[in-house]
Amino acid sequence: MDTVVGKDHKSAIHWFPKGTDFNNVSQQKINWVVNVINEKLRHILNWRTAKDLFLENFI
C-alpha cells in the first residue's frame, strides 16, 4: 500500500515530470499545485484534507 507521502510524490510528478527545470515554472503554478495536493480529500485522513489537519494542529 502506498503511503500518503508516496501518493503526494506521484501527484507532484503528474504536474512536474522528472527532470522539470523549476527555473522555468512560475511560482504561481507551484503554489497552485501545492494547493491542489494539500486540499485533496483523503480516505486515510477520514475524508479530511492535509491542510485542515495542519491548521488544526499547528496554527
N, C-alpha and C. Protein backbone atom coordinates (compact mmCIF):
# COMPACT_ATOMS: atom_id res chain seq x y z
N MET A 1 0.84 -1.19 0.00
CA MET A 1 0.00 0.00 0.00
C MET A 1 0.88 1.24 0.00
N ASP A 2 0.52 2.20 -0.81
CA ASP A 2 1.27 3.45 -0.86
C ASP A 2 1.03 4.27 0.39
N THR A 3 2.04 5.02 0.77
CA THR A 3 1.88 5.94 1.89
C THR A 3 1.31 7.25 1.36
N VAL A 4 0.85 8.10 2.26
CA VAL A 4 0.36 9.41 1.85
C VAL A 4 1.47 10.18 1.16
N VAL A 5 2.68 10.11 1.71
CA VAL A 5 3.81 10.81 1.11
C VAL A 5 4.10 10.27 -0.28
N GLY A 6 4.05 8.97 -0.43
CA GLY A 6 4.28 8.36 -1.74
C GLY A 6 3.25 8.80 -2.76
N LYS A 7 2.00 8.88 -2.34
CA LYS A 7 0.94 9.32 -3.25
C LYS A 7 1.12 10.79 -3.60
N ASP A 8 1.54 11.61 -2.63
CA ASP A 8 1.79 13.02 -2.92
C ASP A 8 2.93 13.17 -3.90
N HIS A 9 3.94 12.32 -3.76
CA HIS A 9 5.06 12.35 -4.69
C HIS A 9 4.57 12.04 -6.10
N LYS A 10 3.71 11.05 -6.21
CA LYS A 10 3.16 10.71 -7.53
C LYS A 10 2.33 11.86 -8.07
N SER A 11 1.59 12.55 -7.19
CA SER A 11 0.81 13.71 -7.63
C SER A 11 1.71 14.81 -8.14
N ALA A 12 2.80 15.06 -7.44
CA ALA A 12 3.74 16.10 -7.86
C ALA A 12 4.35 15.75 -9.21
N ILE A 13 4.69 14.48 -9.41
CA ILE A 13 5.27 14.06 -10.69
C ILE A 13 4.26 14.22 -11.82
N HIS A 14 2.99 14.07 -11.52
CA HIS A 14 1.95 14.30 -12.53
C HIS A 14 2.05 15.72 -13.08
N TRP A 15 2.25 16.69 -12.19
CA TRP A 15 2.31 18.10 -12.60
C TRP A 15 3.71 18.50 -13.06
N PHE A 16 4.72 17.92 -12.43
CA PHE A 16 6.11 18.28 -12.74
C PHE A 16 6.89 17.00 -13.01
N PRO A 17 6.94 16.57 -14.25
CA PRO A 17 7.65 15.32 -14.58
C PRO A 17 9.12 15.37 -14.18
N LYS A 18 9.68 14.20 -13.97
CA LYS A 18 11.10 14.09 -13.63
C LYS A 18 11.92 14.90 -14.63
N GLY A 19 12.85 15.68 -14.11
CA GLY A 19 13.70 16.50 -14.96
C GLY A 19 13.17 17.90 -15.20
N THR A 20 12.02 18.23 -14.60
CA THR A 20 11.46 19.57 -14.78
C THR A 20 12.45 20.61 -14.29
N ASP A 21 12.67 21.64 -15.08
CA ASP A 21 13.53 22.76 -14.69
C ASP A 21 12.63 23.80 -14.01
N PHE A 22 12.72 23.87 -12.69
CA PHE A 22 11.84 24.76 -11.93
C PHE A 22 12.18 26.23 -12.15
N ASN A 23 13.28 26.51 -12.78
CA ASN A 23 13.57 27.89 -13.17
C ASN A 23 12.59 28.36 -14.24
N ASN A 24 11.96 27.40 -14.92
CA ASN A 24 11.01 27.72 -15.99
C ASN A 24 9.56 27.55 -15.55
N VAL A 25 9.33 27.34 -14.26
CA VAL A 25 7.97 27.17 -13.73
C VAL A 25 7.67 28.36 -12.84
N SER A 26 6.53 28.99 -13.06
CA SER A 26 6.18 30.17 -12.27
C SER A 26 5.85 29.79 -10.83
N GLN A 27 6.10 30.71 -9.92
CA GLN A 27 5.75 30.50 -8.52
C GLN A 27 4.25 30.30 -8.39
N GLN A 28 3.49 30.98 -9.22
CA GLN A 28 2.03 30.85 -9.20
C GLN A 28 1.61 29.41 -9.51
N LYS A 29 2.24 28.77 -10.49
CA LYS A 29 1.90 27.38 -10.82
C LYS A 29 2.31 26.45 -9.69
N ILE A 30 3.49 26.66 -9.11
CA ILE A 30 3.93 25.83 -7.98
C ILE A 30 2.94 25.94 -6.84
N ASN A 31 2.53 27.16 -6.50
CA ASN A 31 1.57 27.37 -5.42
C ASN A 31 0.24 26.69 -5.73
N TRP A 32 -0.19 26.74 -6.99
CA TRP A 32 -1.44 26.11 -7.38
C TRP A 32 -1.38 24.60 -7.18
N VAL A 33 -0.29 23.98 -7.60
CA VAL A 33 -0.13 22.53 -7.45
C VAL A 33 -0.08 22.15 -5.97
N VAL A 34 0.64 22.90 -5.17
CA VAL A 34 0.70 22.64 -3.73
C VAL A 34 -0.71 22.70 -3.14
N ASN A 35 -1.49 23.68 -3.53
CA ASN A 35 -2.86 23.79 -3.03
C ASN A 35 -3.72 22.61 -3.47
N VAL A 36 -3.58 22.19 -4.71
CA VAL A 36 -4.34 21.03 -5.20
C VAL A 36 -4.02 19.80 -4.35
N ILE A 37 -2.75 19.57 -4.08
CA ILE A 37 -2.33 18.41 -3.29
C ILE A 37 -2.82 18.53 -1.85
N ASN A 38 -2.65 19.70 -1.24
CA ASN A 38 -2.99 19.87 0.18
C ASN A 38 -4.49 19.94 0.44
N GLU A 39 -5.28 20.26 -0.57
CA GLU A 39 -6.72 20.38 -0.37
C GLU A 39 -7.50 19.16 -0.87
N LYS A 40 -6.78 18.12 -1.24
CA LYS A 40 -7.42 16.89 -1.70
C LYS A 40 -7.98 16.11 -0.51
N LEU A 41 -9.24 15.69 -0.60
CA LEU A 41 -9.83 14.85 0.44
C LEU A 41 -9.16 13.49 0.41
N ARG A 42 -8.83 12.96 1.60
CA ARG A 42 -8.10 11.69 1.68
C ARG A 42 -8.83 10.70 2.59
N HIS A 43 -9.03 9.51 2.04
CA HIS A 43 -9.67 8.44 2.81
C HIS A 43 -8.89 8.15 4.08
N ILE A 44 -7.57 8.09 3.96
CA ILE A 44 -6.71 7.75 5.10
C ILE A 44 -6.81 8.79 6.23
N LEU A 45 -7.26 9.99 5.89
CA LEU A 45 -7.43 11.06 6.89
C LEU A 45 -8.91 11.25 7.24
N ASN A 46 -9.68 10.19 7.06
CA ASN A 46 -11.11 10.21 7.36
C ASN A 46 -11.83 11.29 6.54
N TRP A 47 -11.48 11.34 5.27
CA TRP A 47 -12.06 12.26 4.30
C TRP A 47 -11.86 13.73 4.67
N ARG A 48 -10.69 13.99 5.21
CA ARG A 48 -10.30 15.37 5.50
C ARG A 48 -9.09 15.69 4.63
N THR A 49 -8.70 16.94 4.65
CA THR A 49 -7.55 17.34 3.85
C THR A 49 -6.32 17.49 4.74
N ALA A 50 -5.17 17.38 4.14
CA ALA A 50 -3.92 17.60 4.88
C ALA A 50 -3.87 19.03 5.39
N LYS A 51 -4.38 19.95 4.60
CA LYS A 51 -4.41 21.36 5.01
C LYS A 51 -5.25 21.54 6.27
N ASP A 52 -6.44 20.92 6.33
CA ASP A 52 -7.30 21.01 7.51
C ASP A 52 -6.58 20.50 8.76
N LEU A 53 -5.94 19.35 8.64
CA LEU A 53 -5.25 18.77 9.80
C LEU A 53 -4.08 19.64 10.23
N PHE A 54 -3.36 20.18 9.28
CA PHE A 54 -2.25 21.07 9.62
C PHE A 54 -2.76 22.28 10.38
N LEU A 55 -3.80 22.91 9.87
CA LEU A 55 -4.33 24.11 10.52
C LEU A 55 -4.85 23.81 11.92
N GLU A 56 -5.46 22.66 12.11
CA GLU A 56 -5.97 22.28 13.43
C GLU A 56 -4.86 22.01 14.43
N ASN A 57 -3.75 21.46 13.97
CA ASN A 57 -2.71 21.01 14.88
C ASN A 57 -1.53 21.95 15.03
N PHE A 58 -1.34 22.87 14.11
CA PHE A 58 -0.14 23.70 14.16
C PHE A 58 -0.43 25.19 14.15
N ILE A 59 -1.66 25.58 13.99
CA ILE A 59 -1.98 27.02 13.98
C ILE A 59 -2.81 27.36 15.21
